[in-house]
Amino acid sequence: MNMVAEKIVLTKGVGRHKEKLVSFEMALRDAKIAHFNLVRVSSIFPANCKIIPRNKGLNQMQAGQIVFCVLSDTASNELNRLVSSSVGIAIPQDSSKHGYLSEHHCFGKTESQCGDYAEDLAAEMLATVLGLDFDPDQSYDIKRDVWKMSDQIVTTTNVTQSAVVKKDGEWVSVVAGAIFVMDPAQ
């Protein structure tokens, strides 16, 4: 059985509730993936895979289905705490080669900061597998220039969700995910 996804959907959500578990469920609902049985997998973006619009991909699946995903989540009940979760993506120029997905979650970082970091992680993992020569201790801007000059990394992006705990006694959960859309024949 060959279970390689040809499509991926990016999604994100936020949930709020007095119970942590329910806030997580509400975040999954907001992301439109609560009705699936989610199985977390490691972070390989399959060769020849395409990112498709969320509604188009989710409409190809049914409630209760086992769905593979790369999911980042975090939660807090600390008043005024900023929470963020992100999945970064790096896709090589040669679509016959695999790319990378990375999960990152943090506290006190904006959606943009968290997303950029997750994207950087995915790009760095891809760069190392492609054999690109760079110093991992350099700033990201310098590394990005090396990757762009190599013409081997074509796309980097991220899906990120952040939220602030606004009420005392409230749990806030955020999720960001890459959902693998499998061909029903597999």
Protein backbone atom coordinates (compact mmCIF):
# COMPACT_ATOMS: atom_id res chain seq x y z
CA MET A 1 0.00 0.00 0.00
CA ASN A 2 1.51 3.31 -1.13
CA MET A 3 0.32 6.07 1.17
CA VAL A 4 1.96 9.18 -0.26
CA ALA A 5 -0.19 12.29 -0.27
CA GLU A 6 -0.44 14.24 -3.49
CA LYS A 7 -2.21 17.19 -1.83
CA ILE A 8 -1.87 19.12 1.42
CA VAL A 9 -4.27 21.58 3.03
CA LEU A 10 -3.07 24.31 5.40
CA THR A 11 -5.35 25.32 8.24
CA LYS A 12 -5.35 27.11 11.57
CA GLY A 13 -7.69 27.86 14.45
CA VAL A 14 -8.17 29.28 17.93
CA GLY A 15 -10.34 28.02 20.77
CA ARG A 16 -11.36 29.46 24.12
CA HIS A 17 -12.95 27.69 27.10
CA LYS A 18 -12.63 27.27 30.86
CA GLU A 19 -11.29 23.74 30.27
CA LYS A 20 -8.02 23.18 28.40
CA LEU A 21 -9.23 20.10 26.50
CA VAL A 22 -12.37 21.87 25.32
CA SER A 23 -10.36 24.91 24.20
CA PHE A 24 -8.23 22.52 22.09
CA GLU A 25 -11.39 20.98 20.61
CA MET A 26 -12.70 24.48 19.82
CA ALA A 27 -9.41 25.33 18.06
CA LEU A 28 -9.72 22.15 15.96
CA ARG A 29 -13.31 23.14 15.12
CA ASP A 30 -12.20 26.62 14.12
CA ALA A 31 -9.58 25.01 11.86
CA LYS A 32 -12.36 22.78 10.39
CA ILE A 33 -10.55 19.53 11.34
CA ALA A 34 -12.23 18.47 14.61
CA HIS A 35 -14.34 15.81 12.90
CA PHE A 36 -11.31 13.81 11.74
CA ASN A 37 -9.18 11.29 13.64
CA LEU A 38 -5.87 13.12 13.42
CA VAL A 39 -2.61 11.18 13.34
CA ARG A 40 0.52 13.29 13.72
CA VAL A 41 3.42 12.38 11.46
CA SER A 42 6.95 13.65 11.02
CA SER A 43 7.72 16.50 8.76
CA ILE A 44 8.27 15.45 5.16
CA PHE A 45 6.51 17.37 2.39
CA PRO A 46 6.04 14.61 -0.22
CA ALA A 47 7.59 14.90 -3.68
CA ASN A 48 5.16 16.14 -6.34
CA CYS A 49 2.70 17.26 -3.66
CA LYS A 50 0.57 20.38 -4.09
CA ILE A 51 -0.89 22.77 -1.53
CA ILE A 52 -4.60 23.15 -2.27
CA PRO A 53 -7.29 25.43 -0.80
CA ARG A 54 -8.63 24.28 2.57
CA ASN A 55 -12.27 23.88 1.55
CA LYS A 56 -11.39 21.97 -1.60
CA GLY A 57 -9.21 19.49 0.30
CA LEU A 58 -11.43 19.05 3.34
CA ASN A 59 -14.45 18.41 1.09
CA GLN A 60 -12.61 15.31 -0.21
CA MET A 61 -12.62 13.77 3.29
CA GLN A 62 -15.35 12.50 5.58
CA ALA A 63 -16.12 12.68 9.29
CA GLY A 64 -14.34 10.01 11.29
CA GLN A 65 -11.67 9.47 8.66
CA ILE A 66 -8.12 8.82 9.84
CA VAL A 67 -6.15 11.81 8.61
CA PHE A 68 -2.38 12.25 8.71
CA CYS A 69 -1.14 15.71 9.61
CA VAL A 70 1.72 17.83 10.84
CA LEU A 71 0.12 19.78 13.68
CA SER A 72 1.49 22.43 15.99
CA ASP A 73 -0.53 23.42 19.03
CA THR A 74 -0.10 25.30 22.26
CA ALA A 75 -2.29 26.60 25.04
CA SER A 76 -2.25 28.86 28.08
CA ASN A 77 -4.56 30.14 30.78
CA GLU A 78 -2.23 32.93 31.91
CA LEU A 79 -4.04 36.26 31.60
CA ASN A 80 -2.66 38.44 28.76
CA ARG A 81 -0.36 35.63 27.56
CA LEU A 82 0.24 35.58 23.78
CA VAL A 83 0.38 32.04 22.36
CA SER A 84 1.34 31.08 18.80
CA SER A 85 1.56 27.87 16.78
CA SER A 86 2.94 27.47 13.28
CA VAL A 87 3.80 24.98 10.58
CA GLY A 88 6.57 26.10 8.23
CA ILE A 89 7.00 24.70 4.72
CA ALA A 90 10.01 24.51 2.40
CA ILE A 91 9.61 23.02 -1.08
CA PRO A 92 12.55 22.31 -3.41
CA GLN A 93 12.83 23.60 -6.99
CA ASP A 94 12.90 20.00 -8.21
CA SER A 95 9.37 18.80 -7.42
CA SER A 96 10.48 15.16 -7.69
CA LYS A 97 12.35 15.66 -4.40
CA HIS A 98 10.71 15.94 -0.99
CA GLY A 99 10.52 19.10 1.04
CA TYR A 100 10.07 19.77 4.74
CA LEU A 101 7.39 20.84 7.17
CA SER A 102 8.29 22.12 10.64
CA GLU A 103 6.23 22.67 13.75
CA HIS A 104 6.91 25.55 16.09
CA HIS A 105 4.95 26.96 19.00
CA CYS A 106 5.87 29.74 21.35
CA PHE A 107 4.77 32.22 23.98
CA GLY A 108 5.14 35.99 23.69
CA LYS A 109 5.97 35.98 19.98
CA THR A 110 3.69 37.50 17.36
CA GLU A 111 2.07 35.47 14.62
CA SER A 112 4.62 36.86 12.16
CA GLN A 113 7.62 36.05 14.39
CA CYS A 114 6.43 32.51 15.07
CA GLY A 115 5.60 31.89 11.40
CA ASP A 116 8.93 33.22 10.18
CA TYR A 117 10.76 30.99 12.65
CA ALA A 118 8.83 27.86 11.57
CA GLU A 119 9.47 28.71 7.92
CA ASP A 120 13.17 29.17 8.66
CA LEU A 121 13.32 25.77 10.39
CA ALA A 122 11.78 24.03 7.38
CA ALA A 123 14.10 25.85 4.97
CA GLU A 124 17.16 24.95 7.05
CA MET A 125 16.20 21.26 7.14
CA LEU A 126 15.69 21.28 3.37
CA ALA A 127 18.95 23.14 2.78
CA THR A 128 20.91 20.56 4.74
CA VAL A 129 19.40 17.64 2.82
CA LEU A 130 20.11 19.41 -0.48
CA GLY A 131 23.74 19.81 0.57
CA LEU A 132 23.73 23.60 0.54
CA ASP A 133 26.74 25.05 2.28
CA PHE A 134 25.86 27.55 4.97
CA ASP A 135 26.69 28.46 8.54
CA PRO A 136 23.71 27.62 10.80
CA ASP A 137 24.85 30.31 13.27
CA GLN A 138 24.47 33.09 10.69
CA SER A 139 21.43 35.32 10.63
CA TYR A 140 18.47 34.03 8.69
CA ASP A 141 18.80 36.85 6.12
CA ILE A 142 22.28 35.62 5.19
CA LYS A 143 21.14 31.98 5.06
CA ARG A 144 18.13 32.96 2.93
CA ASP A 145 20.48 34.65 0.42
CA VAL A 146 22.54 31.44 0.18
CA TRP A 147 19.38 29.37 -0.40
CA LYS A 148 18.01 31.78 -3.02
CA MET A 149 21.34 31.87 -4.87
CA SER A 150 21.37 28.09 -5.02
CA ASP A 151 18.05 28.00 -6.96
CA GLN A 152 17.25 24.78 -5.11
CA ILE A 153 14.60 26.06 -2.68
CA VAL A 154 11.67 27.45 -4.62
CA THR A 155 8.98 28.04 -2.00
CA THR A 156 8.85 28.73 1.70
CA THR A 157 5.67 29.61 3.52
CA ASN A 158 3.89 29.04 6.81
CA VAL A 159 0.47 28.75 8.39
CA THR A 160 0.31 30.35 11.82
CA GLN A 161 -2.28 31.13 14.49
CA SER A 162 -1.83 33.33 17.54
CA ALA A 163 -4.16 34.55 20.27
CA VAL A 164 -4.11 36.30 23.63
CA VAL A 165 -5.68 35.03 26.85
CA LYS A 166 -8.28 37.73 27.52
CA LYS A 167 -10.16 36.46 30.60
CA ASP A 168 -9.06 35.14 33.95
CA GLY A 169 -9.85 31.42 34.16
CA GLU A 170 -9.97 31.00 30.38
CA TRP A 171 -7.84 28.55 28.42
CA VAL A 172 -6.79 29.61 24.93
CA SER A 173 -5.54 27.00 22.46
CA VAL A 174 -4.11 27.67 19.03
CA VAL A 175 -3.45 25.14 16.27
CA ALA A 176 -1.77 25.28 12.88
CA GLY A 177 -1.67 22.28 10.61
CA ALA A 178 -0.73 20.75 7.31
CA ILE A 179 -3.37 18.12 6.53
CA PHE A 180 -2.45 15.33 4.11
CA VAL A 181 -5.21 14.67 1.58
CA MET A 182 -4.95 11.04 0.50
CA ASP A 183 -6.31 9.57 -2.73
CA PRO A 184 -9.30 7.39 -1.72
CA ALA A 185 -7.85 4.52 -3.80
CA GLN A 186 -4.81 4.29 -1.48
